[in-house]
Amino acid sequence: MENIKITIDEVLRNIEQMADKFYQQKQNEGYSLLVPTIDTLVHITDYLSNVDQTNQISEYNILIMNLLKDASEALIIKDGVLLADILKYDISDVLKHLLEIEI
């Protein structure tokens, strides 16, 4: 359980760094941080799918997956700022809530 919380803390820091790159119009640097960030988010959702699920955890997992779909749409239209907003504000908020509950 503590390992996943460490992973969530790390991905929150990565999201912050990546979003800053996109906001500074450093697209290449932002995209270079995107793949490991998405990989970690997928790892987190896989973990949440495999733990003894409560409705609350399941809802968070579904929310993250839906937000990742939104992020992929921003990626398709090459909107780095929208992508950064989704990751920094929406997904990060969900992850912060996960840190507050028993996983």
N, C-alpha and C. Protein backbone atom coordinates (compact mmCIF):
# COMPACT_ATOMS: atom_id res chain seq x y z
N MET A 1 0.82 -1.19 0.00
CA MET A 1 0.00 0.00 0.00
C MET A 1 0.87 1.26 0.00
N GLU A 2 1.92 1.27 0.81
CA GLU A 2 2.79 2.44 0.87
C GLU A 2 3.52 2.66 -0.45
N ASN A 3 3.87 1.55 -1.14
CA ASN A 3 4.56 1.69 -2.42
C ASN A 3 3.71 2.44 -3.43
N ILE A 4 2.43 2.17 -3.47
CA ILE A 4 1.57 2.86 -4.43
C ILE A 4 1.46 4.34 -4.08
N LYS A 5 1.47 4.65 -2.79
CA LYS A 5 1.42 6.06 -2.39
C LYS A 5 2.71 6.79 -2.79
N ILE A 6 3.84 6.09 -2.69
CA ILE A 6 5.11 6.66 -3.15
C ILE A 6 5.05 6.89 -4.66
N THR A 7 4.51 5.91 -5.37
CA THR A 7 4.36 6.04 -6.82
C THR A 7 3.47 7.22 -7.18
N ILE A 8 2.38 7.39 -6.45
CA ILE A 8 1.48 8.52 -6.70
C ILE A 8 2.20 9.84 -6.45
N ASP A 9 2.96 9.92 -5.36
CA ASP A 9 3.73 11.15 -5.08
C ASP A 9 4.69 11.45 -6.23
N GLU A 10 5.37 10.42 -6.72
CA GLU A 10 6.33 10.61 -7.81
C GLU A 10 5.64 11.09 -9.08
N VAL A 11 4.52 10.48 -9.41
CA VAL A 11 3.83 10.88 -10.65
C VAL A 11 3.26 12.29 -10.51
N LEU A 12 2.87 12.69 -9.33
CA LEU A 12 2.41 14.07 -9.12
C LEU A 12 3.53 15.06 -9.41
N ARG A 13 4.73 14.75 -8.96
CA ARG A 13 5.89 15.61 -9.25
C ARG A 13 6.18 15.63 -10.75
N ASN A 14 6.10 14.47 -11.39
CA ASN A 14 6.36 14.39 -12.83
C ASN A 14 5.33 15.19 -13.62
N ILE A 15 4.08 15.10 -13.21
CA ILE A 15 3.02 15.86 -13.88
C ILE A 15 3.30 17.35 -13.77
N GLU A 16 3.70 17.79 -12.60
CA GLU A 16 4.00 19.21 -12.38
C GLU A 16 5.13 19.67 -13.32
N GLN A 17 6.20 18.88 -13.40
CA GLN A 17 7.32 19.22 -14.28
C GLN A 17 6.89 19.24 -15.74
N MET A 18 6.14 18.23 -16.15
CA MET A 18 5.70 18.13 -17.53
C MET A 18 4.78 19.30 -17.89
N ALA A 19 3.84 19.60 -17.02
CA ALA A 19 2.91 20.70 -17.28
C ALA A 19 3.67 22.02 -17.42
N ASP A 20 4.65 22.23 -16.57
CA ASP A 20 5.45 23.45 -16.67
C ASP A 20 6.12 23.57 -18.03
N LYS A 21 6.61 22.46 -18.56
CA LYS A 21 7.26 22.48 -19.89
C LYS A 21 6.25 22.89 -20.96
N PHE A 22 5.05 22.33 -20.90
CA PHE A 22 4.04 22.69 -21.89
C PHE A 22 3.63 24.15 -21.75
N TYR A 23 3.49 24.63 -20.53
CA TYR A 23 3.10 26.03 -20.32
C TYR A 23 4.18 26.99 -20.81
N GLN A 24 5.43 26.54 -20.76
CA GLN A 24 6.55 27.36 -21.24
C GLN A 24 6.77 27.20 -22.74
N GLN A 25 5.86 26.48 -23.40
CA GLN A 25 5.94 26.20 -24.84
C GLN A 25 7.17 25.38 -25.21
N LYS A 26 7.66 24.59 -24.27
CA LYS A 26 8.76 23.66 -24.52
C LYS A 26 8.15 22.29 -24.80
N GLN A 27 7.48 22.21 -25.96
CA GLN A 27 6.69 21.04 -26.32
C GLN A 27 7.51 19.75 -26.32
N ASN A 28 8.70 19.78 -26.94
CA ASN A 28 9.50 18.56 -27.02
C ASN A 28 9.88 18.04 -25.64
N GLU A 29 10.24 18.94 -24.74
CA GLU A 29 10.58 18.53 -23.38
C GLU A 29 9.35 17.99 -22.66
N GLY A 30 8.21 18.62 -22.88
CA GLY A 30 6.97 18.15 -22.27
C GLY A 30 6.60 16.77 -22.75
N TYR A 31 6.68 16.57 -24.07
CA TYR A 31 6.35 15.26 -24.63
C TYR A 31 7.32 14.18 -24.17
N SER A 32 8.58 14.55 -23.95
CA SER A 32 9.56 13.55 -23.49
C SER A 32 9.23 13.04 -22.09
N LEU A 33 8.55 13.85 -21.30
CA LEU A 33 8.14 13.45 -19.95
C LEU A 33 6.78 12.75 -19.95
N LEU A 34 6.08 12.83 -21.06
CA LEU A 34 4.72 12.30 -21.12
C LEU A 34 4.66 10.78 -21.04
N VAL A 35 5.49 10.09 -21.82
CA VAL A 35 5.41 8.63 -21.87
C VAL A 35 5.64 7.99 -20.50
N PRO A 36 6.71 8.35 -19.77
CA PRO A 36 6.86 7.73 -18.45
C PRO A 36 5.72 8.11 -17.48
N THR A 37 5.19 9.30 -17.64
CA THR A 37 4.07 9.71 -16.78
C THR A 37 2.83 8.88 -17.07
N ILE A 38 2.51 8.70 -18.33
CA ILE A 38 1.35 7.89 -18.70
C ILE A 38 1.56 6.44 -18.27
N ASP A 39 2.78 5.92 -18.46
CA ASP A 39 3.07 4.55 -18.03
C ASP A 39 2.81 4.38 -16.54
N THR A 40 3.23 5.36 -15.76
CA THR A 40 3.02 5.29 -14.31
C THR A 40 1.53 5.38 -13.97
N LEU A 41 0.80 6.23 -14.67
CA LEU A 41 -0.64 6.34 -14.43
C LEU A 41 -1.34 5.02 -14.76
N VAL A 42 -0.91 4.35 -15.82
CA VAL A 42 -1.48 3.05 -16.17
C VAL A 42 -1.16 2.04 -15.08
N HIS A 43 0.07 2.08 -14.55
CA HIS A 43 0.45 1.20 -13.45
C HIS A 43 -0.47 1.43 -12.24
N ILE A 44 -0.74 2.68 -11.94
CA ILE A 44 -1.61 3.01 -10.81
C ILE A 44 -3.02 2.48 -11.04
N THR A 45 -3.56 2.66 -12.25
CA THR A 45 -4.91 2.16 -12.52
C THR A 45 -4.94 0.63 -12.49
N ASP A 46 -3.87 -0.01 -12.95
CA ASP A 46 -3.80 -1.48 -12.86
C ASP A 46 -3.81 -1.92 -11.40
N TYR A 47 -3.04 -1.23 -10.58
CA TYR A 47 -3.00 -1.55 -9.15
C TYR A 47 -4.39 -1.40 -8.53
N LEU A 48 -5.04 -0.28 -8.84
CA LEU A 48 -6.37 -0.03 -8.28
C LEU A 48 -7.37 -1.09 -8.72
N SER A 49 -7.21 -1.59 -9.93
CA SER A 49 -8.11 -2.64 -10.43
C SER A 49 -7.91 -3.95 -9.71
N ASN A 50 -6.70 -4.17 -9.19
CA ASN A 50 -6.37 -5.46 -8.58
C ASN A 50 -6.52 -5.49 -7.06
N VAL A 51 -6.65 -4.34 -6.43
CA VAL A 51 -6.81 -4.34 -4.98
C VAL A 51 -8.26 -4.64 -4.63
N ASP A 52 -8.49 -4.99 -3.38
CA ASP A 52 -9.86 -5.22 -2.91
C ASP A 52 -10.62 -3.91 -3.08
N GLN A 53 -11.49 -3.89 -4.04
CA GLN A 53 -12.13 -2.64 -4.45
C GLN A 53 -13.32 -2.28 -3.57
N THR A 54 -13.33 -1.04 -3.18
CA THR A 54 -14.55 -0.47 -2.63
C THR A 54 -15.16 0.35 -3.76
N ASN A 55 -16.38 0.74 -3.60
CA ASN A 55 -16.99 1.57 -4.64
C ASN A 55 -16.22 2.86 -4.84
N GLN A 56 -15.67 3.40 -3.75
CA GLN A 56 -14.94 4.66 -3.83
C GLN A 56 -13.69 4.50 -4.68
N ILE A 57 -12.91 3.46 -4.44
CA ILE A 57 -11.69 3.24 -5.21
C ILE A 57 -12.03 2.97 -6.67
N SER A 58 -13.06 2.20 -6.90
CA SER A 58 -13.50 1.91 -8.26
C SER A 58 -13.88 3.19 -8.99
N GLU A 59 -14.55 4.08 -8.31
CA GLU A 59 -14.94 5.36 -8.92
C GLU A 59 -13.72 6.19 -9.28
N TYR A 60 -12.72 6.21 -8.41
CA TYR A 60 -11.49 6.94 -8.71
C TYR A 60 -10.80 6.34 -9.93
N ASN A 61 -10.76 5.03 -10.00
CA ASN A 61 -10.12 4.36 -11.12
C ASN A 61 -10.82 4.70 -12.43
N ILE A 62 -12.13 4.65 -12.43
CA ILE A 62 -12.91 4.99 -13.63
C ILE A 62 -12.67 6.45 -14.01
N LEU A 63 -12.62 7.32 -13.02
CA LEU A 63 -12.39 8.74 -13.28
C LEU A 63 -11.02 8.96 -13.92
N ILE A 64 -9.99 8.30 -13.40
CA ILE A 64 -8.65 8.42 -13.99
C ILE A 64 -8.66 7.94 -15.43
N MET A 65 -9.30 6.81 -15.68
CA MET A 65 -9.34 6.26 -17.05
C MET A 65 -10.06 7.23 -18.00
N ASN A 66 -11.15 7.81 -17.56
CA ASN A 66 -11.87 8.78 -18.40
C ASN A 66 -11.03 10.03 -18.65
N LEU A 67 -10.31 10.48 -17.64
CA LEU A 67 -9.45 11.64 -17.81
C LEU A 67 -8.28 11.33 -18.74
N LEU A 68 -7.78 10.10 -18.69
CA LEU A 68 -6.72 9.71 -19.63
C LEU A 68 -7.23 9.72 -21.06
N LYS A 69 -8.49 9.36 -21.26
CA LYS A 69 -9.09 9.46 -22.60
C LYS A 69 -9.13 10.92 -23.05
N ASP A 70 -9.51 11.81 -22.14
CA ASP A 70 -9.51 13.24 -22.46
C ASP A 70 -8.10 13.71 -22.81
N ALA A 71 -7.13 13.24 -22.05
CA ALA A 71 -5.74 13.61 -22.30
C ALA A 71 -5.29 13.11 -23.67
N SER A 72 -5.71 11.91 -24.04
CA SER A 72 -5.31 11.38 -25.35
C SER A 72 -5.95 12.19 -26.48
N GLU A 73 -7.16 12.69 -26.26
CA GLU A 73 -7.79 13.56 -27.26
C GLU A 73 -7.02 14.86 -27.41
N ALA A 74 -6.55 15.42 -26.31
CA ALA A 74 -5.72 16.63 -26.37
C ALA A 74 -4.42 16.34 -27.10
N LEU A 75 -3.88 15.16 -26.88
CA LEU A 75 -2.65 14.75 -27.55
C LEU A 75 -2.88 14.63 -29.06
N ILE A 76 -4.00 14.06 -29.44
CA ILE A 76 -4.32 13.88 -30.87
C ILE A 76 -4.41 15.22 -31.58
N ILE A 77 -5.00 16.20 -30.93
CA ILE A 77 -5.12 17.52 -31.58
C ILE A 77 -3.89 18.40 -31.30
N LYS A 78 -2.89 17.82 -30.66
CA LYS A 78 -1.61 18.49 -30.39
C LYS A 78 -1.78 19.78 -29.60
N ASP A 79 -2.62 19.70 -28.58
CA ASP A 79 -2.85 20.84 -27.69
C ASP A 79 -2.14 20.57 -26.37
N GLY A 80 -0.88 20.98 -26.29
CA GLY A 80 -0.07 20.72 -25.12
C GLY A 80 -0.59 21.39 -23.86
N VAL A 81 -1.15 22.58 -24.01
CA VAL A 81 -1.66 23.30 -22.83
C VAL A 81 -2.89 22.59 -22.27
N LEU A 82 -3.79 22.15 -23.14
CA LEU A 82 -4.96 21.40 -22.68
C LEU A 82 -4.53 20.09 -22.02
N LEU A 83 -3.57 19.42 -22.63
CA LEU A 83 -3.04 18.18 -22.06
C LEU A 83 -2.47 18.45 -20.67
N ALA A 84 -1.68 19.51 -20.55
CA ALA A 84 -1.09 19.87 -19.26
C ALA A 84 -2.18 20.18 -18.23
N ASP A 85 -3.21 20.91 -18.65
CA ASP A 85 -4.31 21.25 -17.73
C ASP A 85 -5.00 19.99 -17.22
N ILE A 86 -5.28 19.05 -18.11
CA ILE A 86 -5.96 17.81 -17.72
C ILE A 86 -5.11 17.05 -16.72
N LEU A 87 -3.83 16.94 -17.01
CA LEU A 87 -2.94 16.19 -16.11
C LEU A 87 -2.72 16.93 -14.79
N LYS A 88 -2.42 18.22 -14.88
CA LYS A 88 -2.05 18.98 -13.68
C LYS A 88 -3.23 19.24 -12.75
N TYR A 89 -4.38 19.51 -13.31
CA TYR A 89 -5.51 19.88 -12.46
C TYR A 89 -6.48 18.72 -12.23
N ASP A 90 -6.89 18.06 -13.29
CA ASP A 90 -7.91 17.01 -13.14
C ASP A 90 -7.34 15.71 -12.58
N ILE A 91 -6.36 15.16 -13.28
CA ILE A 91 -5.80 13.88 -12.83
C ILE A 91 -5.07 14.04 -11.50
N SER A 92 -4.33 15.11 -11.34
CA SER A 92 -3.62 15.33 -10.07
C SER A 92 -4.58 15.42 -8.90
N ASP A 93 -5.72 16.07 -9.10
CA ASP A 93 -6.71 16.16 -8.02
C ASP A 93 -7.20 14.78 -7.60
N VAL A 94 -7.46 13.92 -8.57
CA VAL A 94 -7.91 12.56 -8.26
C VAL A 94 -6.82 11.82 -7.50
N LEU A 95 -5.58 11.95 -7.95
CA LEU A 95 -4.47 11.27 -7.28
C LEU A 95 -4.29 11.77 -5.85
N LYS A 96 -4.44 13.06 -5.64
CA LYS A 96 -4.33 13.62 -4.29
C LYS A 96 -5.42 13.07 -3.37
N HIS A 97 -6.61 12.89 -3.90
CA HIS A 97 -7.69 12.29 -3.11
C HIS A 97 -7.35 10.83 -2.76
N LEU A 98 -6.74 10.13 -3.70
CA LEU A 98 -6.35 8.73 -3.43
C LEU A 98 -5.34 8.65 -2.29
N LEU A 99 -4.47 9.64 -2.19
CA LEU A 99 -3.48 9.64 -1.11
C LEU A 99 -4.14 9.77 0.26
N GLU A 100 -5.33 10.35 0.29
CA GLU A 100 -6.02 10.59 1.55
C GLU A 100 -6.84 9.41 2.04
N ILE A 101 -7.07 8.42 1.18
CA ILE A 101 -7.89 7.28 1.58
C ILE A 101 -7.02 6.03 1.70
N GLU A 102 -7.56 5.03 2.34
CA GLU A 102 -6.88 3.74 2.45
C GLU A 102 -7.00 3.01 1.13
N ILE A 103 -5.86 2.69 0.56
CA ILE A 103 -5.86 1.93 -0.70
C ILE A 103 -5.39 0.53 -0.39
